[in-house]
N, C-alpha and C. Protein backbone atom coordinates (compact mmCIF):
# COMPACT_ATOMS: atom_id res chain seq x y z
N MET A 1 12.36 -18.45 -29.27
CA MET A 1 12.62 -19.40 -30.50
C MET A 1 12.48 -18.78 -31.74
N ILE A 2 13.71 -18.74 -32.46
CA ILE A 2 13.61 -17.69 -33.91
C ILE A 2 13.71 -18.95 -34.96
N VAL A 3 12.76 -18.85 -35.88
CA VAL A 3 12.93 -19.55 -37.18
C VAL A 3 13.55 -18.97 -38.24
N ARG A 4 14.39 -19.80 -39.01
CA ARG A 4 15.24 -18.95 -40.19
C ARG A 4 15.28 -19.77 -41.33
N ILE A 5 15.04 -19.01 -42.38
CA ILE A 5 15.08 -19.76 -43.62
C ILE A 5 16.30 -20.45 -43.98
N GLY A 6 16.11 -21.65 -44.42
CA GLY A 6 17.35 -22.54 -44.75
C GLY A 6 17.91 -23.16 -43.47
N LYS A 7 17.56 -22.95 -42.19
CA LYS A 7 17.87 -23.64 -41.17
C LYS A 7 16.98 -24.87 -40.73
N PRO A 8 17.29 -25.81 -39.94
CA PRO A 8 16.30 -26.77 -39.43
C PRO A 8 15.32 -26.12 -38.59
N ALA A 9 14.35 -26.69 -38.49
CA ALA A 9 12.91 -26.34 -37.69
C ALA A 9 13.33 -26.64 -36.45
N PRO A 10 12.80 -25.92 -35.33
CA PRO A 10 13.22 -26.57 -34.03
C PRO A 10 11.99 -27.70 -33.92
N ASP A 11 12.28 -28.74 -32.97
CA ASP A 11 11.50 -29.77 -32.63
C ASP A 11 10.46 -29.35 -31.89
N PHE A 12 8.96 -29.77 -32.17
CA PHE A 12 8.03 -29.76 -31.42
C PHE A 12 7.01 -30.78 -31.44
N GLU A 13 6.05 -30.89 -30.73
CA GLU A 13 5.20 -31.88 -30.61
C GLU A 13 3.63 -31.48 -31.07
N ALA A 14 2.78 -31.99 -31.75
CA ALA A 14 1.48 -31.57 -32.05
C ALA A 14 0.52 -32.85 -32.14
N VAL A 15 -0.58 -32.39 -31.82
CA VAL A 15 -1.68 -33.64 -32.11
C VAL A 15 -2.36 -33.44 -33.42
N GLY A 16 -2.61 -34.77 -33.86
CA GLY A 16 -3.03 -34.53 -35.22
C GLY A 16 -3.83 -35.92 -35.26
N TYR A 17 -4.65 -35.76 -36.56
CA TYR A 17 -5.45 -36.86 -37.15
C TYR A 17 -4.99 -37.66 -38.32
N LEU A 18 -4.90 -38.92 -37.83
CA LEU A 18 -4.23 -39.89 -39.07
C LEU A 18 -5.08 -41.31 -39.00
N ASN A 19 -5.62 -41.51 -39.98
CA ASN A 19 -5.98 -43.12 -40.24
C ASN A 19 -7.20 -43.36 -39.27
N GLY A 20 -8.04 -42.36 -39.03
CA GLY A 20 -8.89 -42.59 -38.11
C GLY A 20 -8.63 -42.57 -36.57
N GLU A 21 -7.41 -42.07 -36.24
CA GLU A 21 -6.79 -42.08 -34.95
C GLU A 21 -6.35 -40.63 -34.63
N ILE A 22 -6.68 -40.01 -33.34
CA ILE A 22 -6.09 -38.72 -33.05
C ILE A 22 -4.63 -39.41 -32.04
N LYS A 23 -3.63 -38.89 -32.55
CA LYS A 23 -2.24 -39.06 -32.00
C LYS A 23 -1.41 -38.01 -31.84
N LYS A 24 -0.33 -38.04 -31.15
CA LYS A 24 0.55 -37.29 -31.11
C LYS A 24 1.89 -37.27 -32.18
N PHE A 25 2.23 -36.15 -32.66
CA PHE A 25 3.65 -36.31 -33.81
C PHE A 25 4.53 -35.27 -33.44
N LYS A 26 5.90 -35.85 -33.56
CA LYS A 26 7.03 -35.18 -33.23
C LYS A 26 7.68 -34.72 -34.47
N LEU A 27 8.09 -33.45 -34.77
CA LEU A 27 8.84 -33.26 -35.96
C LEU A 27 10.28 -33.96 -36.08
N SER A 28 10.65 -34.23 -35.02
CA SER A 28 11.97 -34.97 -35.13
C SER A 28 11.58 -36.51 -35.59
N ASP A 29 10.47 -37.09 -35.64
CA ASP A 29 10.25 -38.54 -35.93
C ASP A 29 10.23 -38.52 -37.25
N TYR A 30 10.39 -37.39 -38.10
CA TYR A 30 10.40 -37.24 -39.68
C TYR A 30 11.80 -36.60 -40.17
N ARG A 31 12.71 -36.86 -39.39
CA ARG A 31 14.07 -36.21 -39.65
C ARG A 31 14.41 -36.95 -40.89
N GLY A 32 14.79 -36.19 -41.91
CA GLY A 32 15.34 -36.66 -43.19
C GLY A 32 14.32 -37.25 -44.26
N LYS A 33 13.21 -36.66 -43.99
CA LYS A 33 11.97 -36.85 -44.75
C LYS A 33 11.34 -35.34 -44.85
N TRP A 34 10.82 -35.56 -46.28
CA TRP A 34 10.09 -34.17 -46.81
C TRP A 34 8.81 -34.12 -45.52
N VAL A 35 8.70 -32.76 -45.11
CA VAL A 35 7.32 -32.66 -44.32
C VAL A 35 6.86 -31.33 -45.07
N VAL A 36 5.46 -31.44 -45.09
CA VAL A 36 4.68 -30.09 -45.39
C VAL A 36 4.08 -29.73 -43.96
N LEU A 37 3.86 -28.81 -43.41
CA LEU A 37 3.18 -28.20 -42.32
C LEU A 37 1.95 -27.39 -42.65
N CYS A 38 0.78 -27.53 -42.37
CA CYS A 38 -0.38 -26.64 -42.37
C CYS A 38 -1.02 -26.26 -41.33
N PHE A 39 -1.15 -25.05 -41.02
CA PHE A 39 -1.72 -24.64 -39.99
C PHE A 39 -3.03 -23.66 -40.02
N TYR A 40 -4.23 -23.81 -39.73
CA TYR A 40 -5.30 -23.02 -39.90
C TYR A 40 -6.38 -23.06 -38.97
N PRO A 41 -7.24 -21.96 -38.21
CA PRO A 41 -7.88 -22.15 -37.13
C PRO A 41 -9.03 -23.04 -37.07
N GLY A 42 -9.31 -23.49 -35.98
CA GLY A 42 -10.05 -24.55 -35.89
C GLY A 42 -11.68 -24.19 -36.58
N ASP A 43 -12.28 -25.37 -37.06
CA ASP A 43 -13.48 -25.19 -37.87
C ASP A 43 -14.40 -24.51 -36.86
N PHE A 44 -15.23 -23.70 -37.32
CA PHE A 44 -16.50 -23.00 -36.61
C PHE A 44 -15.86 -21.99 -35.60
N THR A 45 -14.77 -21.51 -35.97
CA THR A 45 -14.33 -20.26 -34.95
C THR A 45 -14.71 -19.01 -35.51
N PHE A 46 -14.48 -17.90 -34.84
CA PHE A 46 -14.57 -16.71 -35.40
C PHE A 46 -13.28 -16.19 -35.78
N VAL A 47 -12.37 -16.83 -35.79
CA VAL A 47 -10.87 -16.19 -36.44
C VAL A 47 -10.68 -16.00 -37.76
């Protein structure tokens, strides 16, 4: 899978935390909306 600047991002599913709940999110659920994605290593890891 190749990600290119200016092209739509490939759809994916991720687990996240929202309003006190852990739930699954799909990028396609936010089609047509602005989305900011931030990735970082888990807390308390040696990465």
